[in-house]
Amino acid sequence: MDIILLQIENSKLKNTIKELEEKLKESEEKNKKYTNSEAHKEYYQAHKEEVKAKGKTYLQKLKIEDPEKLKSYWKKANEKRKLKKIENNNVI
């Protein structure tokens, strides 16, 4: 008797897992529109110099206003570079 109940519960849980996975896939597809879409890439290609200039002025502004935040940005960037280098060495 217990085994039958457990099997029924197991099948219900498997169905809910499948439903949740489908919902996750749908939401990921919807999110793709908003992150790195073709329009964003085209805008960057057309306005590359403006985007770089804005980034540069932001960094200069940070140097003056909040140098600690800038240090944390550089620290994170260095950590990411190190991780990528390690991953590339492991792949080869």
PDB file of N, CA and C in Angstrom:
ATOM      1  N   MET A   1       0.814  -1.190   0.000  1.00  0.00           N
ATOM      2  CA  MET A   1       0.000   0.000   0.000  1.00  0.00           C
ATOM      3  C   MET A   1       0.860   1.258   0.000  1.00  0.00           C
ATOM      4  N   ASP A   2       1.880   1.268   0.841  1.00  0.00           N
ATOM      5  CA  ASP A   2       2.780   2.420   0.917  1.00  0.00           C
ATOM      6  C   ASP A   2       3.532   2.639  -0.399  1.00  0.00           C
ATOM      7  N   ILE A   3       3.910   1.559  -1.024  1.00  0.00           N
ATOM      8  CA  ILE A   3       4.666   1.655  -2.266  1.00  0.00           C
ATOM      9  C   ILE A   3       3.833   2.322  -3.356  1.00  0.00           C
ATOM     10  N   ILE A   4       2.583   1.999  -3.418  1.00  0.00           N
ATOM     11  CA  ILE A   4       1.697   2.582  -4.439  1.00  0.00           C
ATOM     12  C   ILE A   4       1.552   4.081  -4.223  1.00  0.00           C
ATOM     13  N   LEU A   5       1.380   4.485  -2.954  1.00  0.00           N
ATOM     14  CA  LEU A   5       1.260   5.907  -2.636  1.00  0.00           C
ATOM     15  C   LEU A   5       2.549   6.660  -2.987  1.00  0.00           C
ATOM     16  N   LEU A   6       3.661   6.034  -2.692  1.00  0.00           N
ATOM     17  CA  LEU A   6       4.945   6.659  -3.015  1.00  0.00           C
ATOM     18  C   LEU A   6       5.137   6.805  -4.524  1.00  0.00           C
ATOM     19  N   GLN A   7       4.715   5.817  -5.275  1.00  0.00           N
ATOM     20  CA  GLN A   7       4.819   5.880  -6.733  1.00  0.00           C
ATOM     21  C   GLN A   7       3.933   6.987  -7.297  1.00  0.00           C
ATOM     22  N   ILE A   8       2.745   7.123  -6.746  1.00  0.00           N
ATOM     23  CA  ILE A   8       1.834   8.178  -7.192  1.00  0.00           C
ATOM     24  C   ILE A   8       2.425   9.552  -6.886  1.00  0.00           C
ATOM     25  N   GLU A   9       2.952   9.684  -5.679  1.00  0.00           N
ATOM     26  CA  GLU A   9       3.560  10.952  -5.293  1.00  0.00           C
ATOM     27  C   GLU A   9       4.778  11.251  -6.157  1.00  0.00           C
ATOM     28  N   ASN A  10       5.546  10.221  -6.451  1.00  0.00           N
ATOM     29  CA  ASN A  10       6.727  10.379  -7.301  1.00  0.00           C
ATOM     30  C   ASN A  10       6.332  10.862  -8.697  1.00  0.00           C
ATOM     31  N   SER A  11       5.306  10.297  -9.270  1.00  0.00           N
ATOM     32  CA  SER A  11       4.868  10.696 -10.607  1.00  0.00           C
ATOM     33  C   SER A  11       4.352  12.134 -10.597  1.00  0.00           C
ATOM     34  N   LYS A  12       3.643  12.519  -9.523  1.00  0.00           N
ATOM     35  CA  LYS A  12       3.169  13.906  -9.408  1.00  0.00           C
ATOM     36  C   LYS A  12       4.348  14.872  -9.355  1.00  0.00           C
ATOM     37  N   LEU A  13       5.356  14.522  -8.570  1.00  0.00           N
ATOM     38  CA  LEU A  13       6.544  15.375  -8.464  1.00  0.00           C
ATOM     39  C   LEU A  13       7.284  15.479  -9.792  1.00  0.00           C
ATOM     40  N   LYS A  14       7.359  14.378 -10.521  1.00  0.00           N
ATOM     41  CA  LYS A  14       8.009  14.412 -11.834  1.00  0.00           C
ATOM     42  C   LYS A  14       7.253  15.334 -12.784  1.00  0.00           C
ATOM     43  N   ASN A  15       5.927  15.290 -12.734  1.00  0.00           N
ATOM     44  CA  ASN A  15       5.124  16.178 -13.581  1.00  0.00           C
ATOM     45  C   ASN A  15       5.346  17.640 -13.224  1.00  0.00           C
ATOM     46  N   THR A  16       5.407  17.941 -11.932  1.00  0.00           N
ATOM     47  CA  THR A  16       5.638  19.333 -11.535  1.00  0.00           C
ATOM     48  C   THR A  16       7.028  19.792 -11.963  1.00  0.00           C
ATOM     49  N   ILE A  17       7.995  18.908 -11.892  1.00  0.00           N
ATOM     50  CA  ILE A  17       9.352  19.252 -12.340  1.00  0.00           C
ATOM     51  C   ILE A  17       9.342  19.582 -13.822  1.00  0.00           C
ATOM     52  N   LYS A  18       8.657  18.765 -14.616  1.00  0.00           N
ATOM     53  CA  LYS A  18       8.577  19.024 -16.062  1.00  0.00           C
ATOM     54  C   LYS A  18       7.913  20.364 -16.341  1.00  0.00           C
ATOM     55  N   GLU A  19       6.822  20.652 -15.609  1.00  0.00           N
ATOM     56  CA  GLU A  19       6.127  21.926 -15.802  1.00  0.00           C
ATOM     57  C   GLU A  19       7.023  23.110 -15.457  1.00  0.00           C
ATOM     58  N   LEU A  20       7.740  22.981 -14.347  1.00  0.00           N
ATOM     59  CA  LEU A  20       8.632  24.064 -13.929  1.00  0.00           C
ATOM     60  C   LEU A  20       9.787  24.264 -14.912  1.00  0.00           C
ATOM     61  N   GLU A  21      10.308  23.173 -15.460  1.00  0.00           N
ATOM     62  CA  GLU A  21      11.369  23.289 -16.455  1.00  0.00           C
ATOM     63  C   GLU A  21      10.864  23.994 -17.708  1.00  0.00           C
ATOM     64  N   GLU A  22       9.635  23.699 -18.111  1.00  0.00           N
ATOM     65  CA  GLU A  22       9.052  24.367 -19.277  1.00  0.00           C
ATOM     66  C   GLU A  22       8.875  25.858 -19.017  1.00  0.00           C
ATOM     67  N   LYS A  23       8.393  26.200 -17.817  1.00  0.00           N
ATOM     68  CA  LYS A  23       8.225  27.608 -17.458  1.00  0.00           C
ATOM     69  C   LYS A  23       9.570  28.327 -17.443  1.00  0.00           C
ATOM     70  N   LEU A  24      10.588  27.646 -16.957  1.00  0.00           N
ATOM     71  CA  LEU A  24      11.927  28.227 -16.918  1.00  0.00           C
ATOM     72  C   LEU A  24      12.433  28.509 -18.326  1.00  0.00           C
ATOM     73  N   LYS A  25      12.243  27.550 -19.240  1.00  0.00           N
ATOM     74  CA  LYS A  25      12.661  27.743 -20.624  1.00  0.00           C
ATOM     75  C   LYS A  25      11.929  28.917 -21.259  1.00  0.00           C
ATOM     76  N   GLU A  26      10.633  29.025 -20.989  1.00  0.00           N
ATOM     77  CA  GLU A  26       9.854  30.132 -21.535  1.00  0.00           C
ATOM     78  C   GLU A  26      10.358  31.467 -21.019  1.00  0.00           C
ATOM     79  N   SER A  27      10.622  31.539 -19.726  1.00  0.00           N
ATOM     80  CA  SER A  27      11.095  32.806 -19.161  1.00  0.00           C
ATOM     81  C   SER A  27      12.488  33.160 -19.669  1.00  0.00           C
ATOM     82  N   GLU A  28      13.340  32.149 -19.881  1.00  0.00           N
ATOM     83  CA  GLU A  28      14.669  32.416 -20.438  1.00  0.00           C
ATOM     84  C   GLU A  28      14.551  32.963 -21.852  1.00  0.00           C
ATOM     85  N   GLU A  29      13.622  32.418 -22.634  1.00  0.00           N
ATOM     86  CA  GLU A  29      13.413  32.917 -23.999  1.00  0.00           C
ATOM     87  C   GLU A  29      12.920  34.359 -23.979  1.00  0.00           C
ATOM     88  N   LYS A  30      12.013  34.673 -23.051  1.00  0.00           N
ATOM     89  CA  LYS A  30      11.522  36.046 -22.936  1.00  0.00           C
ATOM     90  C   LYS A  30      12.631  36.993 -22.513  1.00  0.00           C
ATOM     91  N   ASN A  31      13.507  36.542 -21.626  1.00  0.00           N
ATOM     92  CA  ASN A  31      14.596  37.392 -21.140  1.00  0.00           C
ATOM     93  C   ASN A  31      15.639  37.658 -22.211  1.00  0.00           C
ATOM     94  N   LYS A  32      15.773  36.763 -23.178  1.00  0.00           N
ATOM     95  CA  LYS A  32      16.753  36.958 -24.243  1.00  0.00           C
ATOM     96  C   LYS A  32      16.482  38.226 -25.038  1.00  0.00           C
ATOM     97  N   LYS A  33      15.212  38.627 -25.101  1.00  0.00           N
ATOM     98  CA  LYS A  33      14.855  39.850 -25.810  1.00  0.00           C
ATOM     99  C   LYS A  33      15.517  41.065 -25.181  1.00  0.00           C
ATOM    100  N   TYR A  34      15.661  41.024 -23.870  1.00  0.00           N
ATOM    101  CA  TYR A  34      16.106  42.198 -23.138  1.00  0.00           C
ATOM    102  C   TYR A  34      17.607  42.216 -22.865  1.00  0.00           C
ATOM    103  N   THR A  35      18.282  41.113 -23.053  1.00  0.00           N
ATOM    104  CA  THR A  35      19.707  41.076 -22.783  1.00  0.00           C
ATOM    105  C   THR A  35      20.462  40.758 -24.069  1.00  0.00           C
ATOM    106  N   ASN A  36      21.319  41.671 -24.465  1.00  0.00           N
ATOM    107  CA  ASN A  36      22.158  41.528 -25.653  1.00  0.00           C
ATOM    108  C   ASN A  36      21.362  41.143 -26.891  1.00  0.00           C
ATOM    109  N   SER A  37      20.334  41.892 -27.140  1.00  0.00           N
ATOM    110  CA  SER A  37      19.537  41.645 -28.330  1.00  0.00           C
ATOM    111  C   SER A  37      20.280  42.170 -29.560  1.00  0.00           C
ATOM    112  N   GLU A  38      19.753  41.865 -30.716  1.00  0.00           N
ATOM    113  CA  GLU A  38      20.359  42.337 -31.959  1.00  0.00           C
ATOM    114  C   GLU A  38      20.343  43.860 -32.029  1.00  0.00           C
ATOM    115  N   ALA A  39      19.266  44.456 -31.521  1.00  0.00           N
ATOM    116  CA  ALA A  39      19.171  45.920 -31.540  1.00  0.00           C
ATOM    117  C   ALA A  39      20.288  46.539 -30.706  1.00  0.00           C
ATOM    118  N   HIS A  40      20.583  45.921 -29.572  1.00  0.00           N
ATOM    119  CA  HIS A  40      21.659  46.422 -28.716  1.00  0.00           C
ATOM    120  C   HIS A  40      23.004  46.322 -29.436  1.00  0.00           C
ATOM    121  N   LYS A  41      23.235  45.213 -30.094  1.00  0.00           N
ATOM    122  CA  LYS A  41      24.496  45.023 -30.816  1.00  0.00           C
ATOM    123  C   LYS A  41      24.631  46.014 -31.968  1.00  0.00           C
ATOM    124  N   GLU A  42      23.531  46.232 -32.689  1.00  0.00           N
ATOM    125  CA  GLU A  42      23.556  47.189 -33.793  1.00  0.00           C
ATOM    126  C   GLU A  42      23.812  48.601 -33.280  1.00  0.00           C
ATOM    127  N   TYR A  43      23.178  48.956 -32.156  1.00  0.00           N
ATOM    128  CA  TYR A  43      23.390  50.283 -31.572  1.00  0.00           C
ATOM    129  C   TYR A  43      24.851  50.452 -31.200  1.00  0.00           C
ATOM    130  N   TYR A  44      25.440  49.438 -30.588  1.00  0.00           N
ATOM    131  CA  TYR A  44      26.839  49.524 -30.179  1.00  0.00           C
ATOM    132  C   TYR A  44      27.742  49.688 -31.398  1.00  0.00           C
ATOM    133  N   GLN A  45      27.474  48.947 -32.458  1.00  0.00           N
ATOM    134  CA  GLN A  45      28.293  49.065 -33.664  1.00  0.00           C
ATOM    135  C   GLN A  45      28.189  50.462 -34.262  1.00  0.00           C
ATOM    136  N   ALA A  46      26.991  51.039 -34.229  1.00  0.00           N
ATOM    137  CA  ALA A  46      26.791  52.359 -34.816  1.00  0.00           C
ATOM    138  C   ALA A  46      27.341  53.474 -33.932  1.00  0.00           C
ATOM    139  N   HIS A  47      27.338  53.277 -32.608  1.00  0.00           N
ATOM    140  CA  HIS A  47      27.735  54.333 -31.675  1.00  0.00           C
ATOM    141  C   HIS A  47      28.893  53.895 -30.781  1.00  0.00           C
ATOM    142  N   LYS A  48      29.796  53.130 -31.335  1.00  0.00           N
ATOM    143  CA  LYS A  48      30.888  52.554 -30.555  1.00  0.00           C
ATOM    144  C   LYS A  48      31.712  53.630 -29.845  1.00  0.00           C
ATOM    145  N   GLU A  49      32.063  54.673 -30.560  1.00  0.00           N
ATOM    146  CA  GLU A  49      32.909  55.718 -29.985  1.00  0.00           C
ATOM    147  C   GLU A  49      32.198  56.448 -28.838  1.00  0.00           C
ATOM    148  N   GLU A  50      30.906  56.710 -29.002  1.00  0.00           N
ATOM    149  CA  GLU A  50      30.147  57.389 -27.953  1.00  0.00           C
ATOM    150  C   GLU A  50      30.087  56.535 -26.680  1.00  0.00           C
ATOM    151  N   VAL A  51      29.859  55.249 -26.852  1.00  0.00           N
ATOM    152  CA  VAL A  51      29.762  54.353 -25.703  1.00  0.00           C
ATOM    153  C   VAL A  51      31.094  54.294 -24.975  1.00  0.00           C
ATOM    154  N   LYS A  52      32.183  54.197 -25.720  1.00  0.00           N
ATOM    155  CA  LYS A  52      33.507  54.165 -25.100  1.00  0.00           C
ATOM    156  C   LYS A  52      33.808  55.470 -24.382  1.00  0.00           C
ATOM    157  N   ALA A  53      33.426  56.599 -24.982  1.00  0.00           N
ATOM    158  CA  ALA A  53      33.669  57.901 -24.356  1.00  0.00           C
ATOM    159  C   ALA A  53      32.881  58.030 -23.053  1.00  0.00           C
ATOM    160  N   LYS A  54      31.634  57.565 -23.049  1.00  0.00           N
ATOM    161  CA  LYS A  54      30.831  57.622 -21.832  1.00  0.00           C
ATOM    162  C   LYS A  54      31.458  56.775 -20.726  1.00  0.00           C
ATOM    163  N   GLY A  55      31.941  55.613 -21.086  1.00  0.00           N
ATOM    164  CA  GLY A  55      32.596  54.749 -20.109  1.00  0.00           C
ATOM    165  C   GLY A  55      33.846  55.391 -19.545  1.00  0.00           C
ATOM    166  N   LYS A  56      34.601  56.031 -20.416  1.00  0.00           N
ATOM    167  CA  LYS A  56      35.836  56.678 -19.988  1.00  0.00           C
ATOM    168  C   LYS A  56      35.543  57.841 -19.040  1.00  0.00           C
ATOM    169  N   THR A  57      34.539  58.661 -19.371  1.00  0.00           N
ATOM    170  CA  THR A  57      34.197  59.777 -18.487  1.00  0.00           C
ATOM    171  C   THR A  57      33.668  59.267 -17.150  1.00  0.00           C
ATOM    172  N   TYR A  58      32.936  58.149 -17.165  1.00  0.00           N
ATOM    173  CA  TYR A  58      32.435  57.583 -15.912  1.00  0.00           C
ATOM    174  C   TYR A  58      33.595  57.137 -15.031  1.00  0.00           C
ATOM    175  N   LEU A  59      34.604  56.504 -15.614  1.00  0.00           N
ATOM    176  CA  LEU A  59      35.764  56.076 -14.832  1.00  0.00           C
ATOM    177  C   LEU A  59      36.524  57.266 -14.271  1.00  0.00           C
ATOM    178  N   GLN A  60      36.660  58.320 -15.060  1.00  0.00           N
ATOM    179  CA  GLN A  60      37.344  59.516 -14.566  1.00  0.00           C
ATOM    180  C   GLN A  60      36.561  60.148 -13.416  1.00  0.00           C
ATOM    181  N   LYS A  61      35.255  60.158 -13.539  1.00  0.00           N
ATOM    182  CA  LYS A  61      34.392  60.698 -12.482  1.00  0.00           C
ATOM    183  C   LYS A  61      34.535  59.855 -11.212  1.00  0.00           C
ATOM    184  N   LEU A  62      34.614  58.535 -11.380  1.00  0.00           N
ATOM    185  CA  LEU A  62      34.778  57.652 -10.227  1.00  0.00           C
ATOM    186  C   LEU A  62      36.116  57.877  -9.534  1.00  0.00           C
ATOM    187  N   LYS A  63      37.161  58.139 -10.305  1.00  0.00           N
ATOM    188  CA  LYS A  63      38.481  58.391  -9.721  1.00  0.00           C
ATOM    189  C   LYS A  63      38.413  59.522  -8.715  1.00  0.00           C
ATOM    190  N   ILE A  64      37.666  60.549  -9.062  1.00  0.00           N
ATOM    191  CA  ILE A  64      37.575  61.731  -8.215  1.00  0.00           C
ATOM    192  C   ILE A  64      36.614  61.499  -7.044  1.00  0.00           C
ATOM    193  N   GLU A  65      35.425  60.968  -7.344  1.00  0.00           N
ATOM    194  CA  GLU A  65      34.378  60.875  -6.337  1.00  0.00           C
ATOM    195  C   GLU A  65      34.541  59.697  -5.375  1.00  0.00           C
ATOM    196  N   ASP A  66      34.844  58.518  -5.896  1.00  0.00           N
ATOM    197  CA  ASP A  66      34.871  57.329  -5.049  1.00  0.00           C
ATOM    198  C   ASP A  66      35.977  56.375  -5.497  1.00  0.00           C
ATOM    199  N   PRO A  67      37.214  56.664  -5.104  1.00  0.00           N
ATOM    200  CA  PRO A  67      38.322  55.796  -5.545  1.00  0.00           C
ATOM    201  C   PRO A  67      38.242  54.372  -4.990  1.00  0.00           C
ATOM    202  N   GLU A  68      37.590  54.180  -3.844  1.00  0.00           N
ATOM    203  CA  GLU A  68      37.462  52.829  -3.284  1.00  0.00           C
ATOM    204  C   GLU A  68      36.598  51.938  -4.174  1.00  0.00           C
ATOM    205  N   LYS A  69      35.551  52.510  -4.719  1.00  0.00           N
ATOM    206  CA  LYS A  69      34.675  51.756  -5.617  1.00  0.00           C
ATOM    207  C   LYS A  69      35.444  51.358  -6.869  1.00  0.00           C
ATOM    208  N   LEU A  70      36.262  52.268  -7.365  1.00  0.00           N
ATOM    209  CA  LEU A  70      37.075  51.983  -8.546  1.00  0.00           C
ATOM    210  C   LEU A  70      38.049  50.843  -8.256  1.00  0.00           C
ATOM    211  N   LYS A  71      38.636  50.855  -7.063  1.00  0.00           N
ATOM    212  CA  LYS A  71      39.551  49.778  -6.682  1.00  0.00           C
ATOM    213  C   LYS A  71      38.827  48.430  -6.661  1.00  0.00           C
ATOM    214  N   SER A  72      37.590  48.434  -6.163  1.00  0.00           N
ATOM    215  CA  SER A  72      36.851  47.168  -6.119  1.00  0.00           C
ATOM    216  C   SER A  72      36.527  46.689  -7.535  1.00  0.00           C
ATOM    217  N   TYR A  73      36.225  47.631  -8.455  1.00  0.00           N
ATOM    218  CA  TYR A  73      35.992  47.252  -9.854  1.00  0.00           C
ATOM    219  C   TYR A  73      37.228  46.599 -10.451  1.00  0.00           C
ATOM    220  N   TRP A  74      38.385  47.209 -10.230  1.00  0.00           N
ATOM    221  CA  TRP A  74      39.626  46.655 -10.783  1.00  0.00           C
ATOM    222  C   TRP A  74      39.934  45.292 -10.175  1.00  0.00           C
ATOM    223  N   LYS A  75      39.656  45.156  -8.877  1.00  0.00           N
ATOM    224  CA  LYS A  75      39.909  43.883  -8.211  1.00  0.00           C
ATOM    225  C   LYS A  75      39.051  42.773  -8.816  1.00  0.00           C
ATOM    226  N   LYS A  76      37.759  43.069  -9.023  1.00  0.00           N
ATOM    227  CA  LYS A  76      36.867  42.080  -9.638  1.00  0.00           C
ATOM    228  C   LYS A  76      37.328  41.724 -11.045  1.00  0.00           C
ATOM    229  N   ALA A  77      37.751  42.735 -11.800  1.00  0.00           N
ATOM    230  CA  ALA A  77      38.205  42.485 -13.168  1.00  0.00           C
ATOM    231  C   ALA A  77      39.431  41.583 -13.174  1.00  0.00           C
ATOM    232  N   ASN A  78      40.351  41.829 -12.263  1.00  0.00           N
ATOM    233  CA  ASN A  78      41.554  40.989 -12.187  1.00  0.00           C
ATOM    234  C   ASN A  78      41.206  39.558 -11.793  1.00  0.00           C
ATOM    235  N   GLU A  79      40.274  39.406 -10.863  1.00  0.00           N
ATOM    236  CA  GLU A  79      39.860  38.060 -10.464  1.00  0.00           C
ATOM    237  C   GLU A  79      39.239  37.312 -11.636  1.00  0.00           C
ATOM    238  N   LYS A  80      38.406  38.009 -12.416  1.00  0.00           N
ATOM    239  CA  LYS A  80      37.793  37.366 -13.581  1.00  0.00           C
ATOM    240  C   LYS A  80      38.843  36.969 -14.605  1.00  0.00           C
ATOM    241  N   ARG A  81      39.831  37.838 -14.826  1.00  0.00           N
ATOM    242  CA  ARG A  81      40.900  37.507 -15.773  1.00  0.00           C
ATOM    243  C   ARG A  81      41.655  36.264 -15.323  1.00  0.00           C
ATOM    244  N   LYS A  82      41.949  36.201 -14.032  1.00  0.00           N
ATOM    245  CA  LYS A  82      42.669  35.042 -13.508  1.00  0.00           C
ATOM    246  C   LYS A  82      41.853  33.767 -13.694  1.00  0.00           C
ATOM    247  N   LEU A  83      40.547  33.831 -13.402  1.00  0.00           N
ATOM    248  CA  LEU A  83      39.693  32.661 -13.573  1.00  0.00           C
ATOM    249  C   LEU A  83      39.629  32.213 -15.029  1.00  0.00           C
ATOM    250  N   LYS A  84      39.510  33.178 -15.942  1.00  0.00           N
ATOM    251  CA  LYS A  84      39.485  32.821 -17.360  1.00  0.00           C
ATOM    252  C   LYS A  84      40.790  32.169 -17.784  1.00  0.00           C
ATOM    253  N   LYS A  85      41.892  32.714 -17.276  1.00  0.00           N
ATOM    254  CA  LYS A  85      43.205  32.159 -17.633  1.00  0.00           C
ATOM    255  C   LYS A  85      43.329  30.722 -17.118  1.00  0.00           C
ATOM    256  N   ILE A  86      42.864  30.495 -15.897  1.00  0.00           N
ATOM    257  CA  ILE A  86      42.914  29.149 -15.321  1.00  0.00           C
ATOM    258  C   ILE A  86      42.020  28.202 -16.119  1.00  0.00           C
ATOM    259  N   GLU A  87      40.813  28.657 -16.476  1.00  0.00           N
ATOM    260  CA  GLU A  87      39.900  27.818 -17.243  1.00  0.00           C
ATOM    261  C   GLU A  87      40.476  27.489 -18.609  1.00  0.00           C
ATOM    262  N   ASN A  88      41.108  28.471 -19.260  1.00  0.00           N
ATOM    263  CA  ASN A  88      41.710  28.220 -20.560  1.00  0.00           C
ATOM    264  C   ASN A  88      42.853  27.226 -20.466  1.00  0.00           C
ATOM    265  N   ASN A  89      43.628  27.299 -19.406  1.00  0.00           N
ATOM    266  CA  ASN A  89      44.721  26.347 -19.220  1.00  0.00           C
ATOM    267  C   ASN A  89      44.184  24.946 -18.940  1.00  0.00           C
ATOM    268  N   ASN A  90      43.075  24.850 -18.230  1.00  0.00           N
ATOM    269  CA  ASN A  90      42.484  23.542 -17.929  1.00  0.00           C
ATOM    270  C   ASN A  90      41.868  22.898 -19.160  1.00  0.00           C
ATOM    271  N   VAL A  91      41.337  23.720 -20.066  1.00  0.00           N
ATOM    272  CA  VAL A  91      40.704  23.199 -21.272  1.00  0.00           C
ATOM    273  C   VAL A  91      41.749  22.602 -22.199  1.00  0.00           C
ATOM    274  N   ILE A  92      42.861  23.240 -22.307  1.00  0.00           N
ATOM    275  CA  ILE A  92      43.923  22.775 -23.213  1.00  0.00           C
ATOM    276  C   ILE A  92      44.588  21.602 -22.609  1.00  0.00           C
TER     277      ILE A  92
END
